[in-house]
Amino acid sequence: MVRIRRFGVVKTATVAAVLYFAATLILVVLFALIVLVAGTGTISTPTTPGAPTFSASAGAGAILVGGLIIAIVYAIFGWIVTAIACALYNVVAGFVGGVEIELETVVPPPSVPTWTPPTAPPASPAPPREGDGIQS
C-alpha cells in the first residue's frame, strides 16, 4: 500500500487550472465551428432598415473571444478551488492518515527484435573449368 499524505497545493492547483483551461478551450472551439458551419447556410436580412446583419464569422469570432475570457476565468476559479481542496485534504490527512492506494509492479513485455534484411552470402569462387590452365 502507498499512502498519499499530502498534496503540493500550488503545483496541484496549477495542473488542475491548466486542465480546466484546455478543456474549456476545446469546447469553445467546437462551439465556434458549429456556429460557423450552421451560419453559412442562413441568409440574414434585417427586419428594420439600418439594423446590423448577423454573419457566421462574426458569431464564431464572438464565441472565440468570449470563450477565451471564460476559459481564463474558469482556470482561475479552478486554481482557487483546487488549492482550497488540497489544503483541506492536507489538514484532514494529518488526522486520518490520507488516502491509501495499492500499486502493482508490472513487468513490461519482452521487446520484439527488430527485423534486419537478409544479406547475400559471400561470393565463392567459381569451380574450375576444363581448359582454364589448371593442371592436375
N, C-alpha and C. Protein backbone atom coordinates (compact mmCIF):
# COMPACT_ATOMS: atom_id res chain seq x y z
N MET A 1 0.83 -1.19 0.00
CA MET A 1 0.00 0.00 0.00
C MET A 1 0.87 1.25 0.00
N VAL A 2 0.42 2.22 -0.70
CA VAL A 2 1.06 3.52 -0.73
C VAL A 2 0.04 4.51 -0.21
N ARG A 3 0.48 5.48 0.56
CA ARG A 3 -0.44 6.44 1.14
C ARG A 3 -0.09 7.84 0.66
N ILE A 4 -1.11 8.57 0.21
CA ILE A 4 -0.93 9.97 -0.14
C ILE A 4 -1.08 10.77 1.14
N ARG A 5 0.02 11.30 1.63
CA ARG A 5 0.00 12.03 2.90
C ARG A 5 -0.40 13.49 2.69
N ARG A 6 0.07 14.07 1.59
CA ARG A 6 -0.28 15.47 1.34
C ARG A 6 -0.06 15.79 -0.14
N PHE A 7 -0.73 16.82 -0.58
CA PHE A 7 -0.59 17.32 -1.94
C PHE A 7 0.19 18.62 -1.90
N GLY A 8 1.01 18.84 -2.89
CA GLY A 8 1.63 20.15 -3.07
C GLY A 8 0.53 21.08 -3.59
N VAL A 9 0.10 22.03 -2.77
CA VAL A 9 -1.08 22.83 -3.08
C VAL A 9 -0.89 23.62 -4.38
N VAL A 10 0.19 24.34 -4.51
CA VAL A 10 0.38 25.21 -5.68
C VAL A 10 0.54 24.38 -6.96
N LYS A 11 1.37 23.34 -6.91
CA LYS A 11 1.58 22.51 -8.10
C LYS A 11 0.30 21.82 -8.54
N THR A 12 -0.42 21.23 -7.60
CA THR A 12 -1.65 20.53 -7.94
C THR A 12 -2.69 21.49 -8.48
N ALA A 13 -2.82 22.66 -7.86
CA ALA A 13 -3.79 23.65 -8.34
C ALA A 13 -3.41 24.16 -9.73
N THR A 14 -2.13 24.30 -10.00
CA THR A 14 -1.69 24.76 -11.31
C THR A 14 -2.01 23.72 -12.39
N VAL A 15 -1.76 22.46 -12.09
CA VAL A 15 -2.08 21.40 -13.05
C VAL A 15 -3.58 21.38 -13.32
N ALA A 16 -4.39 21.48 -12.28
CA ALA A 16 -5.84 21.49 -12.45
C ALA A 16 -6.29 22.69 -13.27
N ALA A 17 -5.70 23.85 -13.02
CA ALA A 17 -6.08 25.06 -13.76
C ALA A 17 -5.76 24.92 -15.25
N VAL A 18 -4.62 24.35 -15.56
CA VAL A 18 -4.27 24.15 -16.97
C VAL A 18 -5.23 23.15 -17.62
N LEU A 19 -5.60 22.10 -16.89
CA LEU A 19 -6.56 21.13 -17.43
C LEU A 19 -7.93 21.79 -17.65
N TYR A 20 -8.39 22.61 -16.71
CA TYR A 20 -9.66 23.32 -16.88
C TYR A 20 -9.60 24.24 -18.09
N PHE A 21 -8.50 24.97 -18.24
CA PHE A 21 -8.33 25.90 -19.35
C PHE A 21 -8.37 25.15 -20.69
N ALA A 22 -7.62 24.06 -20.79
CA ALA A 22 -7.56 23.30 -22.03
C ALA A 22 -8.91 22.69 -22.38
N ALA A 23 -9.59 22.11 -21.41
CA ALA A 23 -10.90 21.51 -21.66
C ALA A 23 -11.90 22.56 -22.13
N THR A 24 -11.86 23.73 -21.51
CA THR A 24 -12.78 24.80 -21.90
C THR A 24 -12.48 25.29 -23.30
N LEU A 25 -11.21 25.44 -23.64
CA LEU A 25 -10.87 25.89 -24.98
C LEU A 25 -11.31 24.90 -26.06
N ILE A 26 -11.19 23.63 -25.78
CA ILE A 26 -11.64 22.62 -26.74
C ILE A 26 -13.13 22.79 -27.01
N LEU A 27 -13.91 22.95 -25.95
CA LEU A 27 -15.35 23.13 -26.13
C LEU A 27 -15.68 24.43 -26.85
N VAL A 28 -14.96 25.48 -26.54
CA VAL A 28 -15.21 26.78 -27.18
C VAL A 28 -14.94 26.69 -28.68
N VAL A 29 -13.85 26.05 -29.06
CA VAL A 29 -13.53 25.92 -30.48
C VAL A 29 -14.60 25.08 -31.19
N LEU A 30 -15.07 24.02 -30.54
CA LEU A 30 -16.13 23.21 -31.14
C LEU A 30 -17.41 24.01 -31.34
N PHE A 31 -17.80 24.81 -30.33
CA PHE A 31 -19.00 25.64 -30.46
C PHE A 31 -18.83 26.68 -31.55
N ALA A 32 -17.65 27.27 -31.66
CA ALA A 32 -17.41 28.27 -32.70
C ALA A 32 -17.50 27.63 -34.08
N LEU A 33 -16.98 26.42 -34.24
CA LEU A 33 -17.09 25.74 -35.53
C LEU A 33 -18.54 25.42 -35.87
N ILE A 34 -19.31 25.02 -34.87
CA ILE A 34 -20.73 24.75 -35.11
C ILE A 34 -21.45 26.01 -35.57
N VAL A 35 -21.19 27.13 -34.91
CA VAL A 35 -21.82 28.39 -35.30
C VAL A 35 -21.37 28.80 -36.70
N LEU A 36 -20.11 28.60 -36.99
CA LEU A 36 -19.59 28.97 -38.31
C LEU A 36 -20.24 28.13 -39.41
N VAL A 37 -20.34 26.83 -39.19
CA VAL A 37 -20.93 25.94 -40.19
C VAL A 37 -22.44 26.17 -40.28
N ALA A 38 -23.11 26.29 -39.16
CA ALA A 38 -24.56 26.48 -39.16
C ALA A 38 -24.94 27.83 -39.76
N GLY A 39 -24.11 28.83 -39.55
CA GLY A 39 -24.42 30.17 -40.03
C GLY A 39 -24.20 30.35 -41.51
N THR A 40 -23.43 29.47 -42.16
CA THR A 40 -23.18 29.65 -43.59
C THR A 40 -24.39 29.31 -44.43
N GLY A 41 -25.31 28.52 -43.91
CA GLY A 41 -26.49 28.14 -44.67
C GLY A 41 -27.66 29.09 -44.49
N THR A 42 -27.52 30.11 -43.68
CA THR A 42 -28.63 31.03 -43.44
C THR A 42 -28.34 32.38 -44.06
N ILE A 43 -29.37 33.03 -44.49
CA ILE A 43 -29.25 34.38 -45.02
C ILE A 43 -29.91 35.30 -44.01
N SER A 44 -29.18 36.30 -43.60
CA SER A 44 -29.70 37.19 -42.58
C SER A 44 -30.07 38.52 -43.23
N THR A 45 -31.32 38.87 -43.12
CA THR A 45 -31.77 40.17 -43.61
C THR A 45 -32.35 40.93 -42.44
N PRO A 46 -31.99 42.17 -42.28
CA PRO A 46 -32.50 42.93 -41.15
C PRO A 46 -34.00 43.19 -41.31
N THR A 47 -34.73 43.12 -40.19
CA THR A 47 -36.16 43.37 -40.23
C THR A 47 -36.46 44.86 -40.25
N THR A 48 -35.54 45.63 -39.73
CA THR A 48 -35.70 47.09 -39.78
C THR A 48 -34.54 47.68 -40.55
N PRO A 49 -34.81 48.72 -41.30
CA PRO A 49 -33.71 49.32 -42.07
C PRO A 49 -32.62 49.85 -41.15
N GLY A 50 -31.40 49.60 -41.54
CA GLY A 50 -30.26 50.09 -40.76
C GLY A 50 -29.83 49.17 -39.64
N ALA A 51 -30.58 48.08 -39.40
CA ALA A 51 -30.20 47.13 -38.34
C ALA A 51 -29.03 46.29 -38.83
N PRO A 52 -28.12 45.94 -37.93
CA PRO A 52 -26.98 45.14 -38.38
C PRO A 52 -27.40 43.73 -38.74
N THR A 53 -26.69 43.14 -39.67
CA THR A 53 -26.96 41.75 -40.04
C THR A 53 -25.98 40.85 -39.30
N PHE A 54 -26.39 39.61 -39.15
CA PHE A 54 -25.56 38.63 -38.46
C PHE A 54 -24.74 37.88 -39.50
N SER A 55 -23.47 37.77 -39.26
CA SER A 55 -22.65 36.93 -40.13
C SER A 55 -22.09 35.79 -39.29
N ALA A 56 -21.94 34.66 -39.94
CA ALA A 56 -21.45 33.48 -39.22
C ALA A 56 -20.05 33.70 -38.68
N SER A 57 -19.21 34.38 -39.45
CA SER A 57 -17.84 34.59 -38.99
C SER A 57 -17.80 35.52 -37.78
N ALA A 58 -18.68 36.50 -37.75
CA ALA A 58 -18.73 37.39 -36.59
C ALA A 58 -19.22 36.64 -35.36
N GLY A 59 -20.19 35.75 -35.55
CA GLY A 59 -20.69 34.95 -34.43
C GLY A 59 -19.63 34.01 -33.90
N ALA A 60 -18.91 33.37 -34.81
CA ALA A 60 -17.85 32.46 -34.39
C ALA A 60 -16.72 33.22 -33.71
N GLY A 61 -16.40 34.40 -34.23
CA GLY A 61 -15.36 35.22 -33.60
C GLY A 61 -15.76 35.66 -32.21
N ALA A 62 -17.03 36.04 -32.05
CA ALA A 62 -17.52 36.44 -30.73
C ALA A 62 -17.46 35.28 -29.75
N ILE A 63 -17.78 34.09 -30.23
CA ILE A 63 -17.70 32.91 -29.36
C ILE A 63 -16.26 32.63 -28.97
N LEU A 64 -15.34 32.78 -29.91
CA LEU A 64 -13.93 32.53 -29.59
C LEU A 64 -13.39 33.53 -28.57
N VAL A 65 -13.71 34.82 -28.75
CA VAL A 65 -13.23 35.83 -27.81
C VAL A 65 -13.89 35.64 -26.45
N GLY A 66 -15.20 35.48 -26.46
CA GLY A 66 -15.91 35.26 -25.19
C GLY A 66 -15.47 33.97 -24.52
N GLY A 67 -15.25 32.94 -25.35
CA GLY A 67 -14.81 31.66 -24.80
C GLY A 67 -13.43 31.73 -24.21
N LEU A 68 -12.55 32.52 -24.81
CA LEU A 68 -11.20 32.69 -24.25
C LEU A 68 -11.27 33.35 -22.88
N ILE A 69 -12.12 34.35 -22.77
CA ILE A 69 -12.30 35.02 -21.47
C ILE A 69 -12.87 34.04 -20.45
N ILE A 70 -13.87 33.27 -20.87
CA ILE A 70 -14.48 32.29 -19.96
C ILE A 70 -13.45 31.23 -19.56
N ALA A 71 -12.62 30.78 -20.50
CA ALA A 71 -11.61 29.77 -20.19
C ALA A 71 -10.61 30.29 -19.16
N ILE A 72 -10.22 31.56 -19.29
CA ILE A 72 -9.28 32.15 -18.33
C ILE A 72 -9.93 32.25 -16.96
N VAL A 73 -11.17 32.73 -16.90
CA VAL A 73 -11.88 32.85 -15.62
C VAL A 73 -12.08 31.46 -14.99
N TYR A 74 -12.44 30.49 -15.81
CA TYR A 74 -12.65 29.13 -15.32
C TYR A 74 -11.35 28.55 -14.75
N ALA A 75 -10.23 28.81 -15.43
CA ALA A 75 -8.94 28.33 -14.94
C ALA A 75 -8.58 29.00 -13.61
N ILE A 76 -8.85 30.29 -13.48
CA ILE A 76 -8.54 31.00 -12.23
C ILE A 76 -9.36 30.44 -11.08
N PHE A 77 -10.67 30.30 -11.30
CA PHE A 77 -11.51 29.75 -10.24
C PHE A 77 -11.18 28.29 -9.97
N GLY A 78 -10.83 27.54 -11.02
CA GLY A 78 -10.41 26.15 -10.82
C GLY A 78 -9.15 26.06 -9.98
N TRP A 79 -8.22 26.98 -10.19
CA TRP A 79 -7.00 27.00 -9.40
C TRP A 79 -7.33 27.27 -7.92
N ILE A 80 -8.19 28.25 -7.70
CA ILE A 80 -8.55 28.62 -6.32
C ILE A 80 -9.25 27.46 -5.62
N VAL A 81 -10.23 26.86 -6.28
CA VAL A 81 -10.99 25.76 -5.66
C VAL A 81 -10.09 24.56 -5.42
N THR A 82 -9.21 24.24 -6.37
CA THR A 82 -8.30 23.11 -6.19
C THR A 82 -7.31 23.37 -5.06
N ALA A 83 -6.82 24.59 -4.95
CA ALA A 83 -5.89 24.93 -3.87
C ALA A 83 -6.57 24.77 -2.51
N ILE A 84 -7.81 25.23 -2.42
CA ILE A 84 -8.56 25.08 -1.15
C ILE A 84 -8.78 23.61 -0.85
N ALA A 85 -9.16 22.82 -1.87
CA ALA A 85 -9.39 21.39 -1.66
C ALA A 85 -8.11 20.67 -1.23
N CYS A 86 -6.97 21.02 -1.84
CA CYS A 86 -5.70 20.39 -1.46
C CYS A 86 -5.31 20.76 -0.03
N ALA A 87 -5.49 22.02 0.33
CA ALA A 87 -5.16 22.44 1.69
C ALA A 87 -6.05 21.73 2.70
N LEU A 88 -7.33 21.61 2.40
CA LEU A 88 -8.23 20.88 3.30
C LEU A 88 -7.85 19.40 3.38
N TYR A 89 -7.50 18.81 2.25
CA TYR A 89 -7.07 17.42 2.27
C TYR A 89 -5.84 17.25 3.15
N ASN A 90 -4.89 18.16 3.03
CA ASN A 90 -3.67 18.04 3.83
C ASN A 90 -3.98 18.11 5.32
N VAL A 91 -4.94 18.93 5.72
CA VAL A 91 -5.33 19.02 7.13
C VAL A 91 -6.01 17.72 7.57
N VAL A 92 -6.96 17.26 6.76
CA VAL A 92 -7.70 16.05 7.12
C VAL A 92 -6.77 14.83 7.11
N ALA A 93 -5.88 14.75 6.14
CA ALA A 93 -4.96 13.61 6.05
C ALA A 93 -4.04 13.57 7.27
N GLY A 94 -3.77 14.72 7.87
CA GLY A 94 -2.96 14.75 9.09
C GLY A 94 -3.66 14.04 10.24
N PHE A 95 -4.99 14.06 10.23
CA PHE A 95 -5.75 13.40 11.30
C PHE A 95 -6.02 11.93 11.00
N VAL A 96 -6.40 11.63 9.77
CA VAL A 96 -6.83 10.26 9.46
C VAL A 96 -5.79 9.46 8.68
N GLY A 97 -4.73 10.06 8.24
CA GLY A 97 -3.66 9.31 7.61
C GLY A 97 -3.63 9.37 6.10
N GLY A 98 -4.58 9.93 5.45
CA GLY A 98 -4.54 10.07 4.00
C GLY A 98 -5.22 8.93 3.27
N VAL A 99 -5.20 9.02 1.97
CA VAL A 99 -5.81 8.02 1.10
C VAL A 99 -4.78 6.94 0.80
N GLU A 100 -5.20 5.68 0.91
CA GLU A 100 -4.29 4.58 0.60
C GLU A 100 -4.57 4.08 -0.81
N ILE A 101 -3.48 3.82 -1.52
CA ILE A 101 -3.58 3.32 -2.88
C ILE A 101 -2.72 2.07 -2.98
N GLU A 102 -3.25 1.03 -3.61
CA GLU A 102 -2.46 -0.18 -3.81
C GLU A 102 -1.87 -0.11 -5.21
N LEU A 103 -0.56 -0.19 -5.28
CA LEU A 103 0.14 -0.16 -6.55
C LEU A 103 0.65 -1.55 -6.90
N GLU A 104 0.74 -1.83 -8.18
CA GLU A 104 1.22 -3.12 -8.64
C GLU A 104 2.36 -2.90 -9.62
N THR A 105 3.42 -3.64 -9.46
CA THR A 105 4.54 -3.54 -10.38
C THR A 105 4.24 -4.45 -11.57
N VAL A 106 4.30 -3.89 -12.73
CA VAL A 106 4.02 -4.65 -13.95
C VAL A 106 5.31 -4.79 -14.73
N VAL A 107 5.60 -6.01 -15.11
CA VAL A 107 6.79 -6.29 -15.90
C VAL A 107 6.45 -6.03 -17.36
N PRO A 108 7.23 -5.19 -18.02
CA PRO A 108 6.92 -4.92 -19.44
C PRO A 108 7.14 -6.17 -20.28
N PRO A 109 6.40 -6.31 -21.35
CA PRO A 109 6.59 -7.49 -22.22
C PRO A 109 7.97 -7.44 -22.86
N PRO A 110 8.50 -8.60 -23.23
CA PRO A 110 9.82 -8.60 -23.85
C PRO A 110 9.77 -7.83 -25.17
N SER A 111 10.87 -7.19 -25.46
CA SER A 111 10.90 -6.40 -26.69
C SER A 111 11.01 -7.33 -27.89
N VAL A 112 10.40 -6.91 -28.95
CA VAL A 112 10.43 -7.69 -30.19
C VAL A 112 11.71 -7.31 -30.93
N PRO A 113 12.48 -8.30 -31.34
CA PRO A 113 13.71 -7.96 -32.05
C PRO A 113 13.38 -7.26 -33.37
N THR A 114 14.21 -6.33 -33.72
CA THR A 114 13.98 -5.60 -34.96
C THR A 114 14.39 -6.47 -36.14
N TRP A 115 13.69 -6.34 -37.23
CA TRP A 115 13.96 -7.11 -38.43
C TRP A 115 15.10 -6.49 -39.20
N THR A 116 16.00 -7.31 -39.59
CA THR A 116 17.10 -6.83 -40.44
C THR A 116 17.02 -7.60 -41.74
N PRO A 117 17.21 -6.93 -42.85
CA PRO A 117 17.11 -7.63 -44.14
C PRO A 117 18.23 -8.65 -44.28
N PRO A 118 17.91 -9.75 -44.91
CA PRO A 118 18.96 -10.77 -45.08
C PRO A 118 20.06 -10.26 -46.01
N THR A 119 21.25 -10.70 -45.72
CA THR A 119 22.38 -10.31 -46.56
C THR A 119 22.72 -11.46 -47.49
N ALA A 120 23.25 -11.12 -48.64
CA ALA A 120 23.63 -12.15 -49.60
C ALA A 120 24.84 -12.91 -49.06
N PRO A 121 24.89 -14.20 -49.31
CA PRO A 121 26.05 -14.96 -48.83
C PRO A 121 27.30 -14.48 -49.55
N PRO A 122 28.46 -14.64 -48.94
CA PRO A 122 29.67 -14.19 -49.60
C PRO A 122 29.88 -14.95 -50.90
N ALA A 123 30.40 -14.25 -51.86
CA ALA A 123 30.63 -14.87 -53.18
C ALA A 123 31.73 -15.91 -53.06
N SER A 124 31.47 -17.08 -53.60
CA SER A 124 32.50 -18.13 -53.59
C SER A 124 33.12 -18.20 -54.98
N PRO A 125 34.35 -18.61 -55.05
CA PRO A 125 34.98 -18.68 -56.38
C PRO A 125 34.27 -19.72 -57.25
N ALA A 126 34.24 -19.45 -58.51
CA ALA A 126 33.60 -20.37 -59.44
C ALA A 126 34.43 -21.65 -59.54
N PRO A 127 33.79 -22.80 -59.72
CA PRO A 127 34.57 -24.05 -59.85
C PRO A 127 35.41 -24.01 -61.11
N PRO A 128 36.56 -24.64 -61.07
CA PRO A 128 37.42 -24.63 -62.26
C PRO A 128 36.78 -25.35 -63.41
N ARG A 129 37.04 -24.84 -64.59
CA ARG A 129 36.51 -25.47 -65.79
C ARG A 129 37.68 -26.05 -66.59
N GLU A 130 37.36 -26.93 -67.49
CA GLU A 130 38.40 -27.53 -68.33
C GLU A 130 39.00 -26.48 -69.22
N GLY A 131 40.26 -26.49 -69.33
CA GLY A 131 40.95 -25.58 -70.20
C GLY A 131 41.25 -24.24 -69.58
N ASP A 132 41.08 -24.11 -68.28
CA ASP A 132 41.38 -22.87 -67.61
C ASP A 132 42.86 -22.77 -67.25
N GLY A 133 43.61 -23.70 -67.63
CA GLY A 133 45.03 -23.68 -67.35
C GLY A 133 45.38 -24.33 -66.03
N ILE A 134 44.47 -25.02 -65.45
CA ILE A 134 44.75 -25.68 -64.20
C ILE A 134 45.21 -27.09 -64.55
N GLN A 135 46.35 -27.45 -64.08
CA GLN A 135 46.88 -28.77 -64.37
C GLN A 135 46.64 -29.66 -63.19
N SER A 136 46.38 -30.93 -63.53
CA SER A 136 46.16 -31.85 -62.45
C SER A 136 47.31 -32.79 -62.30
